[in-house]
């Protein structure tokens, strides 16, 4: 007799997770990932209540750059209904990065500007 081990953090039910993911439209997965990148970048930029405690501009640069790349790569895949607020959030993060930096990047060299073009603020 074979017993299935109970689900635990060390033994997740991958079949159930795959079924759950299968039901989610791609645009929702993309938007969720983008929002997670935005949230993580905001924390690393020190824009949360804890501010300086979690500030790490090197990490923020990576997150903002990844967000810009994701939005650039999916521009034709998600509607402007979803894309517009994400682009606005990206620009806000890029501006916050520019303000937080002790030595400003040249226009077009900031995080994600490879995808968005120069951000001025």
N, C-alpha and C. Protein backbone atom coordinates (compact mmCIF):
# COMPACT_ATOMS: atom_id res chain seq x y z
N UNK A 1 0.84 -1.16 0.00
CA UNK A 1 0.00 0.00 0.00
C UNK A 1 0.90 1.24 0.00
N UNK A 2 0.65 2.10 -0.95
CA UNK A 2 1.46 3.31 -1.11
C UNK A 2 0.72 4.49 -0.51
N UNK A 3 1.39 5.17 0.36
CA UNK A 3 0.77 6.37 0.95
C UNK A 3 1.38 7.60 0.32
N UNK A 4 0.53 8.58 0.02
CA UNK A 4 1.01 9.86 -0.48
C UNK A 4 1.38 10.70 0.72
N UNK A 5 2.60 11.20 0.75
CA UNK A 5 2.99 12.01 1.91
C UNK A 5 2.15 13.29 1.97
N UNK A 6 1.86 13.74 3.17
CA UNK A 6 1.06 14.97 3.29
C UNK A 6 1.80 16.16 2.70
N UNK A 7 1.00 17.12 2.22
CA UNK A 7 1.60 18.34 1.66
C UNK A 7 2.21 19.17 2.78
N UNK A 8 3.40 19.64 2.54
CA UNK A 8 4.09 20.50 3.49
C UNK A 8 4.97 21.45 2.69
N UNK A 9 5.52 22.48 3.33
CA UNK A 9 6.42 23.38 2.59
C UNK A 9 7.58 22.63 1.93
N UNK A 10 8.02 21.53 2.54
CA UNK A 10 9.12 20.76 1.97
C UNK A 10 8.63 19.81 0.88
N UNK A 11 7.31 19.57 0.84
CA UNK A 11 6.74 18.64 -0.13
C UNK A 11 5.47 19.25 -0.73
N UNK A 12 5.61 20.29 -1.56
CA UNK A 12 4.42 20.95 -2.11
C UNK A 12 3.71 20.06 -3.13
N UNK A 13 2.44 20.31 -3.34
CA UNK A 13 1.64 19.57 -4.31
C UNK A 13 1.80 20.25 -5.67
N UNK A 14 2.80 19.81 -6.45
CA UNK A 14 3.11 20.43 -7.72
C UNK A 14 1.99 20.26 -8.74
N UNK A 15 1.27 19.14 -8.68
CA UNK A 15 0.16 18.94 -9.60
C UNK A 15 -0.93 19.98 -9.38
N UNK A 16 -1.23 20.25 -8.13
CA UNK A 16 -2.25 21.26 -7.82
C UNK A 16 -1.78 22.65 -8.25
N UNK A 17 -0.49 22.94 -8.02
CA UNK A 17 0.03 24.25 -8.43
C UNK A 17 -0.02 24.38 -9.94
N UNK A 18 0.31 23.34 -10.68
CA UNK A 18 0.27 23.38 -12.14
C UNK A 18 -1.15 23.59 -12.63
N UNK A 19 -2.13 22.94 -11.99
CA UNK A 19 -3.53 23.14 -12.37
C UNK A 19 -3.95 24.59 -12.12
N UNK A 20 -3.53 25.16 -10.99
CA UNK A 20 -3.87 26.54 -10.67
C UNK A 20 -3.28 27.49 -11.70
N UNK A 21 -2.02 27.30 -12.04
CA UNK A 21 -1.34 28.16 -13.01
C UNK A 21 -1.98 28.02 -14.39
N UNK A 22 -2.40 26.82 -14.73
CA UNK A 22 -3.00 26.58 -16.05
C UNK A 22 -4.27 27.39 -16.25
N UNK A 23 -4.92 27.75 -15.19
CA UNK A 23 -6.18 28.49 -15.28
C UNK A 23 -5.99 30.00 -15.36
N UNK A 24 -4.77 30.48 -15.18
CA UNK A 24 -4.50 31.92 -15.15
C UNK A 24 -4.07 32.39 -16.54
N UNK A 25 -4.75 33.42 -17.07
CA UNK A 25 -4.35 33.97 -18.37
C UNK A 25 -2.93 34.55 -18.31
N UNK A 26 -2.22 34.45 -19.41
CA UNK A 26 -0.83 34.93 -19.48
C UNK A 26 -0.71 36.38 -19.07
N UNK A 27 -1.64 37.23 -19.49
CA UNK A 27 -1.55 38.65 -19.16
C UNK A 27 -1.56 38.86 -17.64
N UNK A 28 -2.30 38.04 -16.92
CA UNK A 28 -2.33 38.17 -15.47
C UNK A 28 -1.00 37.75 -14.84
N UNK A 29 -0.38 36.73 -15.40
CA UNK A 29 0.94 36.30 -14.90
C UNK A 29 1.96 37.41 -15.15
N UNK A 30 1.94 37.98 -16.35
CA UNK A 30 2.87 39.06 -16.70
C UNK A 30 2.68 40.26 -15.78
N UNK A 31 1.43 40.67 -15.58
CA UNK A 31 1.15 41.83 -14.73
C UNK A 31 1.57 41.54 -13.28
N UNK A 32 1.31 40.34 -12.81
CA UNK A 32 1.70 39.98 -11.45
C UNK A 32 3.21 40.04 -11.27
N UNK A 33 3.94 39.52 -12.23
CA UNK A 33 5.41 39.57 -12.16
C UNK A 33 5.88 41.02 -12.18
N UNK A 34 5.27 41.83 -13.05
CA UNK A 34 5.66 43.25 -13.14
C UNK A 34 5.39 43.97 -11.82
N UNK A 35 4.26 43.73 -11.23
CA UNK A 35 3.93 44.38 -9.94
C UNK A 35 4.89 43.92 -8.85
N UNK A 36 5.26 42.65 -8.86
CA UNK A 36 6.24 42.16 -7.88
C UNK A 36 7.59 42.83 -8.08
N UNK A 37 8.02 43.00 -9.33
CA UNK A 37 9.28 43.70 -9.60
C UNK A 37 9.19 45.16 -9.15
N UNK A 38 8.06 45.79 -9.40
CA UNK A 38 7.87 47.19 -8.99
C UNK A 38 7.94 47.31 -7.47
N UNK A 39 7.27 46.41 -6.78
CA UNK A 39 7.25 46.46 -5.32
C UNK A 39 8.65 46.24 -4.74
N UNK A 40 9.35 45.26 -5.28
CA UNK A 40 10.71 44.99 -4.79
C UNK A 40 11.63 46.17 -5.07
N UNK A 41 11.49 46.78 -6.25
CA UNK A 41 12.32 47.95 -6.58
C UNK A 41 12.03 49.11 -5.65
N UNK A 42 10.76 49.33 -5.33
CA UNK A 42 10.39 50.42 -4.43
C UNK A 42 11.02 50.21 -3.05
N UNK A 43 11.03 48.97 -2.58
CA UNK A 43 11.66 48.67 -1.28
C UNK A 43 13.15 48.96 -1.36
N UNK A 44 13.81 48.49 -2.42
CA UNK A 44 15.25 48.68 -2.56
C UNK A 44 15.63 50.14 -2.82
N UNK A 45 14.68 50.94 -3.29
CA UNK A 45 14.92 52.37 -3.46
C UNK A 45 14.68 53.15 -2.17
N UNK A 46 14.21 52.46 -1.13
CA UNK A 46 13.96 53.12 0.14
C UNK A 46 12.65 53.90 0.16
N UNK A 47 11.68 53.50 -0.68
CA UNK A 47 10.43 54.24 -0.79
C UNK A 47 9.33 53.72 0.15
N UNK A 48 9.68 52.80 1.03
CA UNK A 48 8.69 52.27 1.96
C UNK A 48 8.83 52.96 3.31
N UNK A 49 7.98 52.60 4.26
CA UNK A 49 8.02 53.20 5.59
C UNK A 49 9.38 52.99 6.26
N UNK A 50 9.96 51.81 6.01
CA UNK A 50 11.27 51.52 6.62
C UNK A 50 12.39 52.30 5.96
N UNK A 51 12.14 52.81 4.77
CA UNK A 51 13.07 53.67 4.06
C UNK A 51 14.49 53.13 3.95
N UNK A 52 15.38 53.78 4.63
CA UNK A 52 16.81 53.50 4.52
C UNK A 52 17.19 52.08 4.96
N UNK A 53 16.38 51.44 5.77
CA UNK A 53 16.74 50.12 6.30
C UNK A 53 16.94 49.09 5.20
N UNK A 54 16.20 49.21 4.10
CA UNK A 54 16.28 48.23 3.03
C UNK A 54 16.84 48.82 1.74
N UNK A 55 17.30 50.04 1.78
CA UNK A 55 17.77 50.72 0.58
C UNK A 55 19.04 50.07 0.05
N UNK A 56 19.02 49.74 -1.24
CA UNK A 56 20.17 49.12 -1.89
C UNK A 56 20.06 49.46 -3.38
N UNK A 57 20.75 50.50 -3.79
CA UNK A 57 20.61 50.99 -5.17
C UNK A 57 21.12 50.00 -6.22
N UNK A 58 22.10 49.18 -5.88
CA UNK A 58 22.57 48.18 -6.83
C UNK A 58 21.45 47.17 -7.11
N UNK A 59 20.80 46.72 -6.07
CA UNK A 59 19.68 45.79 -6.24
C UNK A 59 18.51 46.49 -6.95
N UNK A 60 18.24 47.72 -6.60
CA UNK A 60 17.15 48.47 -7.24
C UNK A 60 17.40 48.60 -8.73
N UNK A 61 18.64 48.88 -9.11
CA UNK A 61 18.99 49.01 -10.54
C UNK A 61 18.61 47.73 -11.29
N UNK A 62 18.97 46.59 -10.73
CA UNK A 62 18.68 45.31 -11.37
C UNK A 62 17.18 45.10 -11.53
N UNK A 63 16.43 45.41 -10.50
CA UNK A 63 14.98 45.21 -10.54
C UNK A 63 14.30 46.14 -11.53
N UNK A 64 14.71 47.40 -11.55
CA UNK A 64 14.12 48.36 -12.49
C UNK A 64 14.48 47.96 -13.92
N UNK A 65 15.70 47.53 -14.13
CA UNK A 65 16.12 47.10 -15.46
C UNK A 65 15.30 45.88 -15.91
N UNK A 66 15.11 44.92 -15.02
CA UNK A 66 14.31 43.73 -15.33
C UNK A 66 12.87 44.10 -15.65
N UNK A 67 12.31 45.02 -14.89
CA UNK A 67 10.94 45.48 -15.14
C UNK A 67 10.84 46.11 -16.52
N UNK A 68 11.79 46.98 -16.85
CA UNK A 68 11.77 47.63 -18.16
C UNK A 68 11.88 46.61 -19.28
N UNK A 69 12.74 45.62 -19.11
CA UNK A 69 12.89 44.57 -20.11
C UNK A 69 11.62 43.76 -20.28
N UNK A 70 10.98 43.43 -19.18
CA UNK A 70 9.72 42.69 -19.24
C UNK A 70 8.65 43.49 -19.96
N UNK A 71 8.52 44.76 -19.62
CA UNK A 71 7.49 45.59 -20.26
C UNK A 71 7.79 45.80 -21.74
N UNK A 72 9.05 45.94 -22.08
CA UNK A 72 9.42 46.08 -23.48
C UNK A 72 9.10 44.80 -24.26
N UNK A 73 9.45 43.66 -23.68
CA UNK A 73 9.25 42.38 -24.35
C UNK A 73 7.77 42.02 -24.50
N UNK A 74 6.93 42.51 -23.60
CA UNK A 74 5.51 42.14 -23.64
C UNK A 74 4.61 43.25 -24.14
N UNK A 75 5.20 44.32 -24.66
CA UNK A 75 4.41 45.48 -25.09
C UNK A 75 3.29 45.11 -26.05
N UNK A 76 3.54 44.19 -26.95
CA UNK A 76 2.51 43.81 -27.92
C UNK A 76 1.61 42.69 -27.41
N UNK A 77 1.93 42.15 -26.26
CA UNK A 77 1.18 41.01 -25.73
C UNK A 77 0.11 41.41 -24.71
N UNK A 78 0.29 42.56 -24.07
CA UNK A 78 -0.70 42.99 -23.08
C UNK A 78 -1.34 44.28 -23.58
N UNK A 79 -2.57 44.48 -23.21
CA UNK A 79 -3.30 45.66 -23.69
C UNK A 79 -2.78 46.93 -23.03
N UNK A 80 -3.09 48.05 -23.63
CA UNK A 80 -2.68 49.33 -23.04
C UNK A 80 -3.38 49.54 -21.69
N UNK A 81 -4.53 48.90 -21.50
CA UNK A 81 -5.22 48.95 -20.22
C UNK A 81 -4.29 48.47 -19.11
N UNK A 82 -3.53 47.41 -19.38
CA UNK A 82 -2.59 46.88 -18.40
C UNK A 82 -1.23 47.57 -18.49
N UNK A 83 -0.79 47.87 -19.71
CA UNK A 83 0.57 48.38 -19.92
C UNK A 83 0.75 49.82 -19.43
N UNK A 84 -0.24 50.67 -19.63
CA UNK A 84 -0.08 52.09 -19.30
C UNK A 84 0.27 52.33 -17.83
N UNK A 85 -0.46 51.75 -16.88
CA UNK A 85 -0.08 51.99 -15.48
C UNK A 85 1.27 51.38 -15.12
N UNK A 86 1.61 50.27 -15.76
CA UNK A 86 2.92 49.67 -15.50
C UNK A 86 4.04 50.55 -16.02
N UNK A 87 3.85 51.15 -17.20
CA UNK A 87 4.86 52.07 -17.74
C UNK A 87 4.99 53.30 -16.86
N UNK A 88 3.85 53.81 -16.35
CA UNK A 88 3.89 54.96 -15.44
C UNK A 88 4.67 54.61 -14.17
N UNK A 89 4.41 53.42 -13.63
CA UNK A 89 5.13 52.99 -12.43
C UNK A 89 6.61 52.84 -12.69
N UNK A 90 6.96 52.30 -13.86
CA UNK A 90 8.37 52.16 -14.23
C UNK A 90 9.04 53.52 -14.30
N UNK A 91 8.39 54.48 -14.93
CA UNK A 91 8.98 55.81 -15.04
C UNK A 91 9.17 56.44 -13.66
N UNK A 92 8.20 56.25 -12.78
CA UNK A 92 8.32 56.77 -11.42
C UNK A 92 9.52 56.15 -10.70
N UNK A 93 9.71 54.84 -10.88
CA UNK A 93 10.86 54.17 -10.25
C UNK A 93 12.17 54.66 -10.85
N UNK A 94 12.19 54.87 -12.16
CA UNK A 94 13.40 55.39 -12.80
C UNK A 94 13.74 56.78 -12.28
N UNK A 95 12.73 57.61 -12.11
CA UNK A 95 12.97 58.95 -11.57
C UNK A 95 13.42 58.89 -10.11
N UNK A 96 12.81 57.99 -9.34
CA UNK A 96 13.21 57.83 -7.94
C UNK A 96 14.65 57.34 -7.85
N UNK A 97 15.04 56.46 -8.76
CA UNK A 97 16.42 55.98 -8.78
C UNK A 97 17.37 57.14 -9.07
N UNK A 98 17.02 57.95 -10.05
CA UNK A 98 17.86 59.09 -10.43
C UNK A 98 18.02 60.03 -9.23
N UNK A 99 16.93 60.28 -8.50
CA UNK A 99 16.99 61.18 -7.35
C UNK A 99 17.79 60.58 -6.20
N UNK A 100 17.74 59.25 -6.04
CA UNK A 100 18.42 58.60 -4.92
C UNK A 100 19.91 58.42 -5.17
N UNK A 101 20.31 58.47 -6.42
CA UNK A 101 21.72 58.23 -6.76
C UNK A 101 22.59 59.42 -6.39
N UNK A 102 23.72 59.13 -5.79
CA UNK A 102 24.67 60.20 -5.46
C UNK A 102 25.34 60.72 -6.72
N UNK A 103 25.64 59.82 -7.64
CA UNK A 103 26.22 60.20 -8.93
C UNK A 103 25.22 59.79 -10.00
N UNK A 104 24.62 60.77 -10.63
CA UNK A 104 23.56 60.48 -11.61
C UNK A 104 24.13 59.83 -12.86
N UNK A 105 23.38 58.87 -13.39
CA UNK A 105 23.74 58.26 -14.67
C UNK A 105 23.52 59.28 -15.78
N UNK A 106 24.27 59.14 -16.84
CA UNK A 106 24.04 59.97 -18.03
C UNK A 106 22.65 59.64 -18.57
N UNK A 107 21.96 60.61 -19.16
CA UNK A 107 20.65 60.31 -19.76
C UNK A 107 20.76 59.13 -20.74
N UNK A 108 19.86 58.18 -20.58
CA UNK A 108 19.87 56.99 -21.40
C UNK A 108 20.67 55.84 -20.81
N UNK A 109 21.40 56.08 -19.71
CA UNK A 109 22.23 55.06 -19.09
C UNK A 109 21.67 54.55 -17.76
N UNK A 110 20.56 55.13 -17.32
CA UNK A 110 19.95 54.70 -16.06
C UNK A 110 19.30 53.33 -16.21
N UNK A 111 18.84 52.77 -15.09
CA UNK A 111 18.24 51.44 -15.15
C UNK A 111 17.00 51.42 -16.06
N UNK A 112 17.03 50.49 -16.99
CA UNK A 112 15.90 50.31 -17.90
C UNK A 112 15.84 51.29 -19.06
N UNK A 113 16.69 52.30 -19.05
CA UNK A 113 16.62 53.32 -20.10
C UNK A 113 17.06 52.77 -21.45
N UNK A 114 17.74 51.64 -21.43
CA UNK A 114 18.08 50.94 -22.67
C UNK A 114 16.78 50.57 -23.42
N UNK A 115 15.71 50.32 -22.67
CA UNK A 115 14.44 49.92 -23.24
C UNK A 115 13.47 51.09 -23.40
N UNK A 116 13.54 52.05 -22.48
CA UNK A 116 12.53 53.13 -22.47
C UNK A 116 13.03 54.42 -23.11
N UNK A 117 14.32 54.53 -23.29
CA UNK A 117 14.89 55.80 -23.69
C UNK A 117 15.19 56.63 -22.46
N UNK A 118 15.85 57.78 -22.63
CA UNK A 118 16.23 58.59 -21.49
C UNK A 118 15.03 59.05 -20.67
N UNK A 119 15.20 59.08 -19.37
CA UNK A 119 14.18 59.57 -18.46
C UNK A 119 14.72 60.82 -17.80
N UNK A 120 14.00 61.90 -17.95
CA UNK A 120 14.41 63.17 -17.35
C UNK A 120 13.45 63.52 -16.24
N UNK A 121 13.95 64.15 -15.19
CA UNK A 121 13.05 64.50 -14.12
C UNK A 121 13.39 65.70 -13.43
